[in-house]
């Protein structure tokens, strides 16, 4: 997914450390979201 140019991806960081990410696909006219994940230690 992260190497696919039709996806836009975002990384959440705390103190420079990645703690989660989310992606959205723009392959076709309807966009699809995911996977969205958050490090269990940073949830909530």
ModelCIF file with pLDDT and N, C-alpha, C, O atoms, coordinates in Angstrom:
data_MODEL
#
_entry.id   MODEL 
#
_entity.id                         1 
_entity.type                       polymer 
_entity.pdbx_number_of_molecules   1 
#
_entity_poly.entity_id                      1 
_entity_poly.type                           'polypeptide(L)' 
_entity_poly.nstd_linkage                   no 
_entity_poly.nstd_monomer                   no 
_entity_poly.pdbx_seq_one_letter_code       
;(UNK)(UNK)(UNK)(UNK)(UNK)(UNK)(UNK)(UNK)(UNK)(UNK)(UNK)(UNK)(UNK)(UNK)(UNK)(UNK)
(UNK)(UNK)(UNK)(UNK)(UNK)(UNK)(UNK)(UNK)(UNK)(UNK)(UNK)(UNK)(UNK)(UNK)(UNK)(UNK)
(UNK)(UNK)(UNK)(UNK)(UNK)(UNK)(UNK)(UNK)(UNK)(UNK)(UNK)(UNK)
;
_entity_poly.pdbx_seq_one_letter_code_can   XXXXXXXXXXXXXXXXXXXXXXXXXXXXXXXXXXXXXXXXXXXX 
_entity_poly.pdbx_strand_id                 A 
#
loop_
_entity_poly_seq.entity_id 
_entity_poly_seq.num 
_entity_poly_seq.mon_id 
_entity_poly_seq.hetero 
1 1  UNK n 
1 2  UNK n 
1 3  UNK n 
1 4  UNK n 
1 5  UNK n 
1 6  UNK n 
1 7  UNK n 
1 8  UNK n 
1 9  UNK n 
1 10 UNK n 
1 11 UNK n 
1 12 UNK n 
1 13 UNK n 
1 14 UNK n 
1 15 UNK n 
1 16 UNK n 
1 17 UNK n 
1 18 UNK n 
1 19 UNK n 
1 20 UNK n 
1 21 UNK n 
1 22 UNK n 
1 23 UNK n 
1 24 UNK n 
1 25 UNK n 
1 26 UNK n 
1 27 UNK n 
1 28 UNK n 
1 29 UNK n 
1 30 UNK n 
1 31 UNK n 
1 32 UNK n 
1 33 UNK n 
1 34 UNK n 
1 35 UNK n 
1 36 UNK n 
1 37 UNK n 
1 38 UNK n 
1 39 UNK n 
1 40 UNK n 
1 41 UNK n 
1 42 UNK n 
1 43 UNK n 
1 44 UNK n 
#
_struct_asym.id          A 
_struct_asym.entity_id   1 
#
loop_
_ma_qa_metric.id 
_ma_qa_metric.mode 
_ma_qa_metric.name 
_ma_qa_metric.software_group_id 
_ma_qa_metric.type 
1 global pLDDT . pLDDT 
2 local  pLDDT . pLDDT 
#
_ma_qa_metric_global.metric_id      1 
_ma_qa_metric_global.metric_value   93.16 
_ma_qa_metric_global.model_id       1 
_ma_qa_metric_global.ordinal_id     1 
#
loop_
_ma_qa_metric_local.label_asym_id 
_ma_qa_metric_local.label_comp_id 
_ma_qa_metric_local.label_seq_id 
_ma_qa_metric_local.metric_id 
_ma_qa_metric_local.metric_value 
_ma_qa_metric_local.model_id 
_ma_qa_metric_local.ordinal_id 
A UNK 1  2 93.00 1 1  
A UNK 2  2 94.00 1 2  
A UNK 3  2 93.00 1 3  
A UNK 4  2 92.00 1 4  
A UNK 5  2 93.00 1 5  
A UNK 6  2 94.00 1 6  
A UNK 7  2 96.00 1 7  
A UNK 8  2 97.00 1 8  
A UNK 9  2 97.00 1 9  
A UNK 10 2 97.00 1 10 
A UNK 11 2 97.00 1 11 
A UNK 12 2 95.00 1 12 
A UNK 13 2 94.00 1 13 
A UNK 14 2 89.00 1 14 
A UNK 15 2 87.00 1 15 
A UNK 16 2 86.00 1 16 
A UNK 17 2 92.00 1 17 
A UNK 18 2 93.00 1 18 
A UNK 19 2 95.00 1 19 
A UNK 20 2 94.00 1 20 
A UNK 21 2 96.00 1 21 
A UNK 22 2 97.00 1 22 
A UNK 23 2 97.00 1 23 
A UNK 24 2 97.00 1 24 
A UNK 25 2 96.00 1 25 
A UNK 26 2 97.00 1 26 
A UNK 27 2 95.00 1 27 
A UNK 28 2 94.00 1 28 
A UNK 29 2 95.00 1 29 
A UNK 30 2 96.00 1 30 
A UNK 31 2 97.00 1 31 
A UNK 32 2 96.00 1 32 
A UNK 33 2 97.00 1 33 
A UNK 34 2 92.00 1 34 
A UNK 35 2 93.00 1 35 
A UNK 36 2 94.00 1 36 
A UNK 37 2 93.00 1 37 
A UNK 38 2 93.00 1 38 
A UNK 39 2 91.00 1 39 
A UNK 40 2 90.00 1 40 
A UNK 41 2 87.00 1 41 
A UNK 42 2 84.00 1 42 
A UNK 43 2 83.00 1 43 
A UNK 44 2 81.00 1 44 
#
loop_
_atom_site.group_PDB 
_atom_site.id 
_atom_site.type_symbol 
_atom_site.label_atom_id 
_atom_site.label_alt_id 
_atom_site.label_comp_id 
_atom_site.label_asym_id 
_atom_site.label_entity_id 
_atom_site.label_seq_id 
_atom_site.pdbx_PDB_ins_code 
_atom_site.Cartn_x 
_atom_site.Cartn_y 
_atom_site.Cartn_z 
_atom_site.occupancy 
_atom_site.B_iso_or_equiv 
_atom_site.pdbx_formal_charge 
_atom_site.auth_seq_id 
_atom_site.auth_comp_id 
_atom_site.auth_asym_id 
_atom_site.auth_atom_id 
_atom_site.pdbx_PDB_model_num 
ATOM 1   N N  . UNK A 1 1  ? 0.827   -1.211 0.000  1.00 93.00 ? 1  UNK A N  1 
ATOM 2   C CA . UNK A 1 1  ? 0.000   0.000  0.000  1.00 93.00 ? 1  UNK A CA 1 
ATOM 3   C C  . UNK A 1 1  ? 0.860   1.260  0.000  1.00 93.00 ? 1  UNK A C  1 
ATOM 4   O O  . UNK A 1 1  ? 0.581   2.198  -0.746 1.00 93.00 ? 1  UNK A O  1 
ATOM 5   N N  . UNK A 1 2  ? 1.901   1.289  0.828  1.00 94.00 ? 2  UNK A N  1 
ATOM 6   C CA . UNK A 1 2  ? 2.686   2.510  0.971  1.00 94.00 ? 2  UNK A CA 1 
ATOM 7   C C  . UNK A 1 2  ? 3.470   2.818  -0.298 1.00 94.00 ? 2  UNK A C  1 
ATOM 8   O O  . UNK A 1 2  ? 3.907   3.951  -0.499 1.00 94.00 ? 2  UNK A O  1 
ATOM 9   N N  . UNK A 1 3  ? 3.650   1.817  -1.154 1.00 93.00 ? 3  UNK A N  1 
ATOM 10  C CA . UNK A 1 3  ? 4.358   2.029  -2.420 1.00 93.00 ? 3  UNK A CA 1 
ATOM 11  C C  . UNK A 1 3  ? 3.407   2.251  -3.594 1.00 93.00 ? 3  UNK A C  1 
ATOM 12  O O  . UNK A 1 3  ? 3.849   2.441  -4.727 1.00 93.00 ? 3  UNK A O  1 
ATOM 13  N N  . UNK A 1 4  ? 2.117   2.227  -3.325 1.00 92.00 ? 4  UNK A N  1 
ATOM 14  C CA . UNK A 1 4  ? 1.120   2.378  -4.378 1.00 92.00 ? 4  UNK A CA 1 
ATOM 15  C C  . UNK A 1 4  ? 0.752   3.858  -4.516 1.00 92.00 ? 4  UNK A C  1 
ATOM 16  O O  . UNK A 1 4  ? 0.249   4.468  -3.572 1.00 92.00 ? 4  UNK A O  1 
ATOM 17  N N  . UNK A 1 5  ? 1.002   4.419  -5.678 1.00 93.00 ? 5  UNK A N  1 
ATOM 18  C CA . UNK A 1 5  ? 0.800   5.854  -5.869 1.00 93.00 ? 5  UNK A CA 1 
ATOM 19  C C  . UNK A 1 5  ? -0.660  6.267  -5.858 1.00 93.00 ? 5  UNK A C  1 
ATOM 20  O O  . UNK A 1 5  ? -0.954  7.457  -5.744 1.00 93.00 ? 5  UNK A O  1 
ATOM 21  N N  . UNK A 1 6  ? -1.590  5.315  -5.972 1.00 94.00 ? 6  UNK A N  1 
ATOM 22  C CA . UNK A 1 6  ? -3.008  5.673  -5.936 1.00 94.00 ? 6  UNK A CA 1 
ATOM 23  C C  . UNK A 1 6  ? -3.531  5.793  -4.503 1.00 94.00 ? 6  UNK A C  1 
ATOM 24  O O  . UNK A 1 6  ? -4.681  6.180  -4.296 1.00 94.00 ? 6  UNK A O  1 
ATOM 25  N N  . UNK A 1 7  ? -2.692  5.462  -3.509 1.00 96.00 ? 7  UNK A N  1 
ATOM 26  C CA . UNK A 1 7  ? -3.043  5.615  -2.100 1.00 96.00 ? 7  UNK A CA 1 
ATOM 27  C C  . UNK A 1 7  ? -2.388  6.878  -1.536 1.00 96.00 ? 7  UNK A C  1 
ATOM 28  O O  . UNK A 1 7  ? -1.251  7.203  -1.878 1.00 96.00 ? 7  UNK A O  1 
ATOM 29  N N  . UNK A 1 8  ? -3.108  7.576  -0.681 1.00 97.00 ? 8  UNK A N  1 
ATOM 30  C CA . UNK A 1 8  ? -2.513  8.621  0.149  1.00 97.00 ? 8  UNK A CA 1 
ATOM 31  C C  . UNK A 1 8  ? -2.434  8.068  1.570  1.00 97.00 ? 8  UNK A C  1 
ATOM 32  O O  . UNK A 1 8  ? -3.401  7.502  2.078  1.00 97.00 ? 8  UNK A O  1 
ATOM 33  N N  . UNK A 1 9  ? -1.287  8.234  2.200  1.00 97.00 ? 9  UNK A N  1 
ATOM 34  C CA . UNK A 1 9  ? -1.108  7.688  3.541  1.00 97.00 ? 9  UNK A CA 1 
ATOM 35  C C  . UNK A 1 9  ? -0.598  8.730  4.512  1.00 97.00 ? 9  UNK A C  1 
ATOM 36  O O  . UNK A 1 9  ? 0.132   9.650  4.143  1.00 97.00 ? 9  UNK A O  1 
ATOM 37  N N  . UNK A 1 10 ? -1.004  8.565  5.776  1.00 97.00 ? 10 UNK A N  1 
ATOM 38  C CA . UNK A 1 10 ? -0.591  9.498  6.830  1.00 97.00 ? 10 UNK A CA 1 
ATOM 39  C C  . UNK A 1 10 ? -0.067  8.699  8.020  1.00 97.00 ? 10 UNK A C  1 
ATOM 40  O O  . UNK A 1 10 ? -0.633  7.677  8.406  1.00 97.00 ? 10 UNK A O  1 
ATOM 41  N N  . UNK A 1 11 ? 1.024   9.192  8.585  1.00 97.00 ? 11 UNK A N  1 
ATOM 42  C CA . UNK A 1 11 ? 1.633   8.579  9.763  1.00 97.00 ? 11 UNK A CA 1 
ATOM 43  C C  . UNK A 1 11 ? 1.510   9.541  10.933 1.00 97.00 ? 11 UNK A C  1 
ATOM 44  O O  . UNK A 1 11 ? 1.879   10.711 10.831 1.00 97.00 ? 11 UNK A O  1 
ATOM 45  N N  . UNK A 1 12 ? 0.989   9.036  12.046 1.00 95.00 ? 12 UNK A N  1 
ATOM 46  C CA . UNK A 1 12 ? 0.918   9.827  13.278 1.00 95.00 ? 12 UNK A CA 1 
ATOM 47  C C  . UNK A 1 12 ? 2.190   9.587  14.072 1.00 95.00 ? 12 UNK A C  1 
ATOM 48  O O  . UNK A 1 12 ? 2.610   8.445  14.257 1.00 95.00 ? 12 UNK A O  1 
ATOM 49  N N  . UNK A 1 13 ? 2.807   10.681 14.544 1.00 94.00 ? 13 UNK A N  1 
ATOM 50  C CA . UNK A 1 13 ? 4.031   10.552 15.335 1.00 94.00 ? 13 UNK A CA 1 
ATOM 51  C C  . UNK A 1 13 ? 3.899   11.299 16.657 1.00 94.00 ? 13 UNK A C  1 
ATOM 52  O O  . UNK A 1 13 ? 3.240   12.336 16.741 1.00 94.00 ? 13 UNK A O  1 
ATOM 53  N N  . UNK A 1 14 ? 4.529   10.758 17.669 1.00 89.00 ? 14 UNK A N  1 
ATOM 54  C CA . UNK A 1 14 ? 4.682   11.402 18.976 1.00 89.00 ? 14 UNK A CA 1 
ATOM 55  C C  . UNK A 1 14 ? 6.159   11.388 19.305 1.00 89.00 ? 14 UNK A C  1 
ATOM 56  O O  . UNK A 1 14 ? 6.776   10.324 19.345 1.00 89.00 ? 14 UNK A O  1 
ATOM 57  N N  . UNK A 1 15 ? 6.734   12.558 19.541 1.00 87.00 ? 15 UNK A N  1 
ATOM 58  C CA . UNK A 1 15 ? 8.177   12.679 19.796 1.00 87.00 ? 15 UNK A CA 1 
ATOM 59  C C  . UNK A 1 15 ? 8.994   12.018 18.694 1.00 87.00 ? 15 UNK A C  1 
ATOM 60  O O  . UNK A 1 15 ? 10.035  11.413 18.951 1.00 87.00 ? 15 UNK A O  1 
ATOM 61  N N  . UNK A 1 16 ? 8.506   12.145 17.463 1.00 86.00 ? 16 UNK A N  1 
ATOM 62  C CA . UNK A 1 16 ? 9.219   11.603 16.322 1.00 86.00 ? 16 UNK A CA 1 
ATOM 63  C C  . UNK A 1 16 ? 9.044   10.115 16.100 1.00 86.00 ? 16 UNK A C  1 
ATOM 64  O O  . UNK A 1 16 ? 9.620   9.570  15.158 1.00 86.00 ? 16 UNK A O  1 
ATOM 65  N N  . UNK A 1 17 ? 8.270   9.440  16.933 1.00 92.00 ? 17 UNK A N  1 
ATOM 66  C CA . UNK A 1 17 ? 8.064   7.999  16.820 1.00 92.00 ? 17 UNK A CA 1 
ATOM 67  C C  . UNK A 1 17 ? 6.705   7.718  16.202 1.00 92.00 ? 17 UNK A C  1 
ATOM 68  O O  . UNK A 1 17 ? 5.699   8.299  16.610 1.00 92.00 ? 17 UNK A O  1 
ATOM 69  N N  . UNK A 1 18 ? 6.676   6.830  15.222 1.00 93.00 ? 18 UNK A N  1 
ATOM 70  C CA . UNK A 1 18 ? 5.414   6.465  14.586 1.00 93.00 ? 18 UNK A CA 1 
ATOM 71  C C  . UNK A 1 18 ? 4.533   5.703  15.569 1.00 93.00 ? 18 UNK A C  1 
ATOM 72  O O  . UNK A 1 18 ? 4.975   4.747  16.206 1.00 93.00 ? 18 UNK A O  1 
ATOM 73  N N  . UNK A 1 19 ? 3.255   6.148  15.685 1.00 95.00 ? 19 UNK A N  1 
ATOM 74  C CA . UNK A 1 19 ? 2.329   5.498  16.607 1.00 95.00 ? 19 UNK A CA 1 
ATOM 75  C C  . UNK A 1 19 ? 1.018   5.093  15.918 1.00 95.00 ? 19 UNK A C  1 
ATOM 76  O O  . UNK A 1 19 ? 0.098   4.596  16.566 1.00 95.00 ? 19 UNK A O  1 
ATOM 77  N N  . UNK A 1 20 ? 0.945   5.308  14.621 1.00 94.00 ? 20 UNK A N  1 
ATOM 78  C CA . UNK A 1 20 ? -0.268  4.919  13.911 1.00 94.00 ? 20 UNK A CA 1 
ATOM 79  C C  . UNK A 1 20 ? -0.220  5.379  12.469 1.00 94.00 ? 20 UNK A C  1 
ATOM 80  O O  . UNK A 1 20 ? 0.658   6.146  12.075 1.00 94.00 ? 20 UNK A O  1 
ATOM 81  N N  . UNK A 1 21 ? -1.184  4.895  11.678 1.00 96.00 ? 21 UNK A N  1 
ATOM 82  C CA . UNK A 1 21 ? -1.244  5.302  10.276 1.00 96.00 ? 21 UNK A CA 1 
ATOM 83  C C  . UNK A 1 21 ? -2.643  5.079  9.735  1.00 96.00 ? 21 UNK A C  1 
ATOM 84  O O  . UNK A 1 21 ? -3.451  4.349  10.310 1.00 96.00 ? 21 UNK A O  1 
ATOM 85  N N  . UNK A 1 22 ? -2.901  5.728  8.615  1.00 97.00 ? 22 UNK A N  1 
ATOM 86  C CA . UNK A 1 22 ? -4.161  5.539  7.900  1.00 97.00 ? 22 UNK A CA 1 
ATOM 87  C C  . UNK A 1 22 ? -3.909  5.799  6.426  1.00 97.00 ? 22 UNK A C  1 
ATOM 88  O O  . UNK A 1 22 ? -3.023  6.572  6.062  1.00 97.00 ? 22 UNK A O  1 
ATOM 89  N N  . UNK A 1 23 ? -4.709  5.138  5.571  1.00 97.00 ? 23 UNK A N  1 
ATOM 90  C CA . UNK A 1 23 ? -4.543  5.244  4.130  1.00 97.00 ? 23 UNK A CA 1 
ATOM 91  C C  . UNK A 1 23 ? -5.903  5.434  3.471  1.00 97.00 ? 23 UNK A C  1 
ATOM 92  O O  . UNK A 1 23 ? -6.935  5.040  4.015  1.00 97.00 ? 23 UNK A O  1 
ATOM 93  N N  . UNK A 1 24 ? -5.886  6.040  2.296  1.00 97.00 ? 24 UNK A N  1 
ATOM 94  C CA . UNK A 1 24 ? -7.101  6.167  1.500  1.00 97.00 ? 24 UNK A CA 1 
ATOM 95  C C  . UNK A 1 24 ? -6.742  5.935  0.041  1.00 97.00 ? 24 UNK A C  1 
ATOM 96  O O  . UNK A 1 24 ? -5.791  6.526  -0.472 1.00 97.00 ? 24 UNK A O  1 
ATOM 97  N N  . UNK A 1 25 ? -7.498  5.079  -0.624 1.00 96.00 ? 25 UNK A N  1 
ATOM 98  C CA . UNK A 1 25 ? -7.251  4.724  -2.018 1.00 96.00 ? 25 UNK A CA 1 
ATOM 99  C C  . UNK A 1 25 ? -8.086  5.594  -2.943 1.00 96.00 ? 25 UNK A C  1 
ATOM 100 O O  . UNK A 1 25 ? -9.294  5.743  -2.756 1.00 96.00 ? 25 UNK A O  1 
ATOM 101 N N  . UNK A 1 26 ? -7.427  6.165  -3.943 1.00 97.00 ? 26 UNK A N  1 
ATOM 102 C CA . UNK A 1 26 ? -8.102  6.951  -4.970 1.00 97.00 ? 26 UNK A CA 1 
ATOM 103 C C  . UNK A 1 26 ? -7.969  6.265  -6.325 1.00 97.00 ? 26 UNK A C  1 
ATOM 104 O O  . UNK A 1 26 ? -7.848  6.923  -7.358 1.00 97.00 ? 26 UNK A O  1 
ATOM 105 N N  . UNK A 1 27 ? -7.993  4.938  -6.306 1.00 95.00 ? 27 UNK A N  1 
ATOM 106 C CA . UNK A 1 27 ? -7.811  4.158  -7.529 1.00 95.00 ? 27 UNK A CA 1 
ATOM 107 C C  . UNK A 1 27 ? -8.912  4.424  -8.536 1.00 95.00 ? 27 UNK A C  1 
ATOM 108 O O  . UNK A 1 27 ? -8.649  4.550  -9.732 1.00 95.00 ? 27 UNK A O  1 
ATOM 109 N N  . UNK A 1 28 ? -10.144 4.510  -8.059 1.00 94.00 ? 28 UNK A N  1 
ATOM 110 C CA . UNK A 1 28 ? -11.319 4.724  -8.899 1.00 94.00 ? 28 UNK A CA 1 
ATOM 111 C C  . UNK A 1 28 ? -12.149 5.857  -8.290 1.00 94.00 ? 28 UNK A C  1 
ATOM 112 O O  . UNK A 1 28 ? -11.736 6.418  -7.275 1.00 94.00 ? 28 UNK A O  1 
ATOM 113 N N  . UNK A 1 29 ? -13.305 6.218  -8.867 1.00 95.00 ? 29 UNK A N  1 
ATOM 114 C CA . UNK A 1 29 ? -14.047 7.395  -8.386 1.00 95.00 ? 29 UNK A CA 1 
ATOM 115 C C  . UNK A 1 29 ? -14.507 7.342  -6.942 1.00 95.00 ? 29 UNK A C  1 
ATOM 116 O O  . UNK A 1 29 ? -14.661 8.390  -6.315 1.00 95.00 ? 29 UNK A O  1 
ATOM 117 N N  . UNK A 1 30 ? -14.734 6.143  -6.386 1.00 96.00 ? 30 UNK A N  1 
ATOM 118 C CA . UNK A 1 30 ? -15.116 6.017  -4.978 1.00 96.00 ? 30 UNK A CA 1 
ATOM 119 C C  . UNK A 1 30 ? -13.870 5.680  -4.169 1.00 96.00 ? 30 UNK A C  1 
ATOM 120 O O  . UNK A 1 30 ? -13.199 4.687  -4.450 1.00 96.00 ? 30 UNK A O  1 
ATOM 121 N N  . UNK A 1 31 ? -13.554 6.495  -3.168 1.00 97.00 ? 31 UNK A N  1 
ATOM 122 C CA . UNK A 1 31 ? -12.350 6.298  -2.367 1.00 97.00 ? 31 UNK A CA 1 
ATOM 123 C C  . UNK A 1 31 ? -12.608 5.290  -1.254 1.00 97.00 ? 31 UNK A C  1 
ATOM 124 O O  . UNK A 1 31 ? -13.706 5.229  -0.700 1.00 97.00 ? 31 UNK A O  1 
ATOM 125 N N  . UNK A 1 32 ? -11.589 4.505  -0.932 1.00 96.00 ? 32 UNK A N  1 
ATOM 126 C CA . UNK A 1 32 ? -11.687 3.517  0.138  1.00 96.00 ? 32 UNK A CA 1 
ATOM 127 C C  . UNK A 1 32 ? -10.657 3.768  1.217  1.00 96.00 ? 32 UNK A C  1 
ATOM 128 O O  . UNK A 1 32 ? -9.487  4.004  0.918  1.00 96.00 ? 32 UNK A O  1 
ATOM 129 N N  . UNK A 1 33 ? -11.083 3.718  2.482  1.00 97.00 ? 33 UNK A N  1 
ATOM 130 C CA . UNK A 1 33 ? -10.215 4.033  3.619  1.00 97.00 ? 33 UNK A CA 1 
ATOM 131 C C  . UNK A 1 33 ? -9.678  2.760  4.274  1.00 97.00 ? 33 UNK A C  1 
ATOM 132 O O  . UNK A 1 33 ? -10.397 1.771  4.422  1.00 97.00 ? 33 UNK A O  1 
ATOM 133 N N  . UNK A 1 34 ? -8.412  2.803  4.661  1.00 92.00 ? 34 UNK A N  1 
ATOM 134 C CA . UNK A 1 34 ? -7.844  1.748  5.477  1.00 92.00 ? 34 UNK A CA 1 
ATOM 135 C C  . UNK A 1 34 ? -6.573  1.148  4.882  1.00 92.00 ? 34 UNK A C  1 
ATOM 136 O O  . UNK A 1 34 ? -6.241  1.385  3.721  1.00 92.00 ? 34 UNK A O  1 
ATOM 137 N N  . UNK A 1 35 ? -5.866  0.363  5.705  1.00 93.00 ? 35 UNK A N  1 
ATOM 138 C CA . UNK A 1 35 ? -6.166  0.125  7.117  1.00 93.00 ? 35 UNK A CA 1 
ATOM 139 C C  . UNK A 1 35 ? -5.756  1.300  8.004  1.00 93.00 ? 35 UNK A C  1 
ATOM 140 O O  . UNK A 1 35 ? -4.743  1.957  7.764  1.00 93.00 ? 35 UNK A O  1 
ATOM 141 N N  . UNK A 1 36 ? -6.567  1.549  9.035  1.00 94.00 ? 36 UNK A N  1 
ATOM 142 C CA . UNK A 1 36 ? -6.216  2.528  10.054 1.00 94.00 ? 36 UNK A CA 1 
ATOM 143 C C  . UNK A 1 36 ? -5.815  1.754  11.302 1.00 94.00 ? 36 UNK A C  1 
ATOM 144 O O  . UNK A 1 36 ? -6.557  0.895  11.778 1.00 94.00 ? 36 UNK A O  1 
ATOM 145 N N  . UNK A 1 37 ? -4.639  2.067  11.824 1.00 93.00 ? 37 UNK A N  1 
ATOM 146 C CA . UNK A 1 37 ? -4.156  1.365  13.019 1.00 93.00 ? 37 UNK A CA 1 
ATOM 147 C C  . UNK A 1 37 ? -3.453  2.346  13.946 1.00 93.00 ? 37 UNK A C  1 
ATOM 148 O O  . UNK A 1 37 ? -2.810  3.299  13.505 1.00 93.00 ? 37 UNK A O  1 
ATOM 149 N N  . UNK A 1 38 ? -3.593  2.088  15.244 1.00 93.00 ? 38 UNK A N  1 
ATOM 150 C CA . UNK A 1 38 ? -2.945  2.898  16.275 1.00 93.00 ? 38 UNK A CA 1 
ATOM 151 C C  . UNK A 1 38 ? -2.245  1.952  17.238 1.00 93.00 ? 38 UNK A C  1 
ATOM 152 O O  . UNK A 1 38 ? -2.815  0.944  17.656 1.00 93.00 ? 38 UNK A O  1 
ATOM 153 N N  . UNK A 1 39 ? -1.016  2.278  17.587 1.00 91.00 ? 39 UNK A N  1 
ATOM 154 C CA . UNK A 1 39 ? -0.257  1.477  18.538 1.00 91.00 ? 39 UNK A CA 1 
ATOM 155 C C  . UNK A 1 39 ? -1.094  1.283  19.805 1.00 91.00 ? 39 UNK A C  1 
ATOM 156 O O  . UNK A 1 39 ? -1.605  2.261  20.350 1.00 91.00 ? 39 UNK A O  1 
ATOM 157 N N  . UNK A 1 40 ? -1.249  0.033  20.290 1.00 90.00 ? 40 UNK A N  1 
ATOM 158 C CA . UNK A 1 40 ? -2.080  -0.205 21.485 1.00 90.00 ? 40 UNK A CA 1 
ATOM 159 C C  . UNK A 1 40 ? -1.697  0.657  22.677 1.00 90.00 ? 40 UNK A C  1 
ATOM 160 O O  . UNK A 1 40 ? -2.554  0.980  23.500 1.00 90.00 ? 40 UNK A O  1 
ATOM 161 N N  . UNK A 1 41 ? -0.439  1.032  22.786 1.00 87.00 ? 41 UNK A N  1 
ATOM 162 C CA . UNK A 1 41 ? -0.007  1.850  23.929 1.00 87.00 ? 41 UNK A CA 1 
ATOM 163 C C  . UNK A 1 41 ? -0.425  3.305  23.802 1.00 87.00 ? 41 UNK A C  1 
ATOM 164 O O  . UNK A 1 41 ? -0.309  4.065  24.763 1.00 87.00 ? 41 UNK A O  1 
ATOM 165 N N  . UNK A 1 42 ? -0.911  3.708  22.627 1.00 84.00 ? 42 UNK A N  1 
ATOM 166 C CA . UNK A 1 42 ? -1.277  5.109  22.402 1.00 84.00 ? 42 UNK A CA 1 
ATOM 167 C C  . UNK A 1 42 ? -2.755  5.294  22.095 1.00 84.00 ? 42 UNK A C  1 
ATOM 168 O O  . UNK A 1 42 ? -3.180  6.391  21.731 1.00 84.00 ? 42 UNK A O  1 
ATOM 169 N N  . UNK A 1 43 ? -3.533  4.242  22.238 1.00 83.00 ? 43 UNK A N  1 
ATOM 170 C CA . UNK A 1 43 ? -4.957  4.359  21.933 1.00 83.00 ? 43 UNK A CA 1 
ATOM 171 C C  . UNK A 1 43 ? -5.662  5.181  23.005 1.00 83.00 ? 43 UNK A C  1 
ATOM 172 O O  . UNK A 1 43 ? -5.250  5.203  24.165 1.00 83.00 ? 43 UNK A O  1 
ATOM 173 N N  . UNK A 1 44 ? -6.747  5.865  22.590 1.00 81.00 ? 44 UNK A N  1 
ATOM 174 C CA . UNK A 1 44 ? -7.483  6.706  23.507 1.00 81.00 ? 44 UNK A CA 1 
ATOM 175 C C  . UNK A 1 44 ? -6.886  8.083  23.700 1.00 81.00 ? 44 UNK A C  1 
ATOM 176 O O  . UNK A 1 44 ? -7.425  8.889  24.458 1.00 81.00 ? 44 UNK A O  1 
#
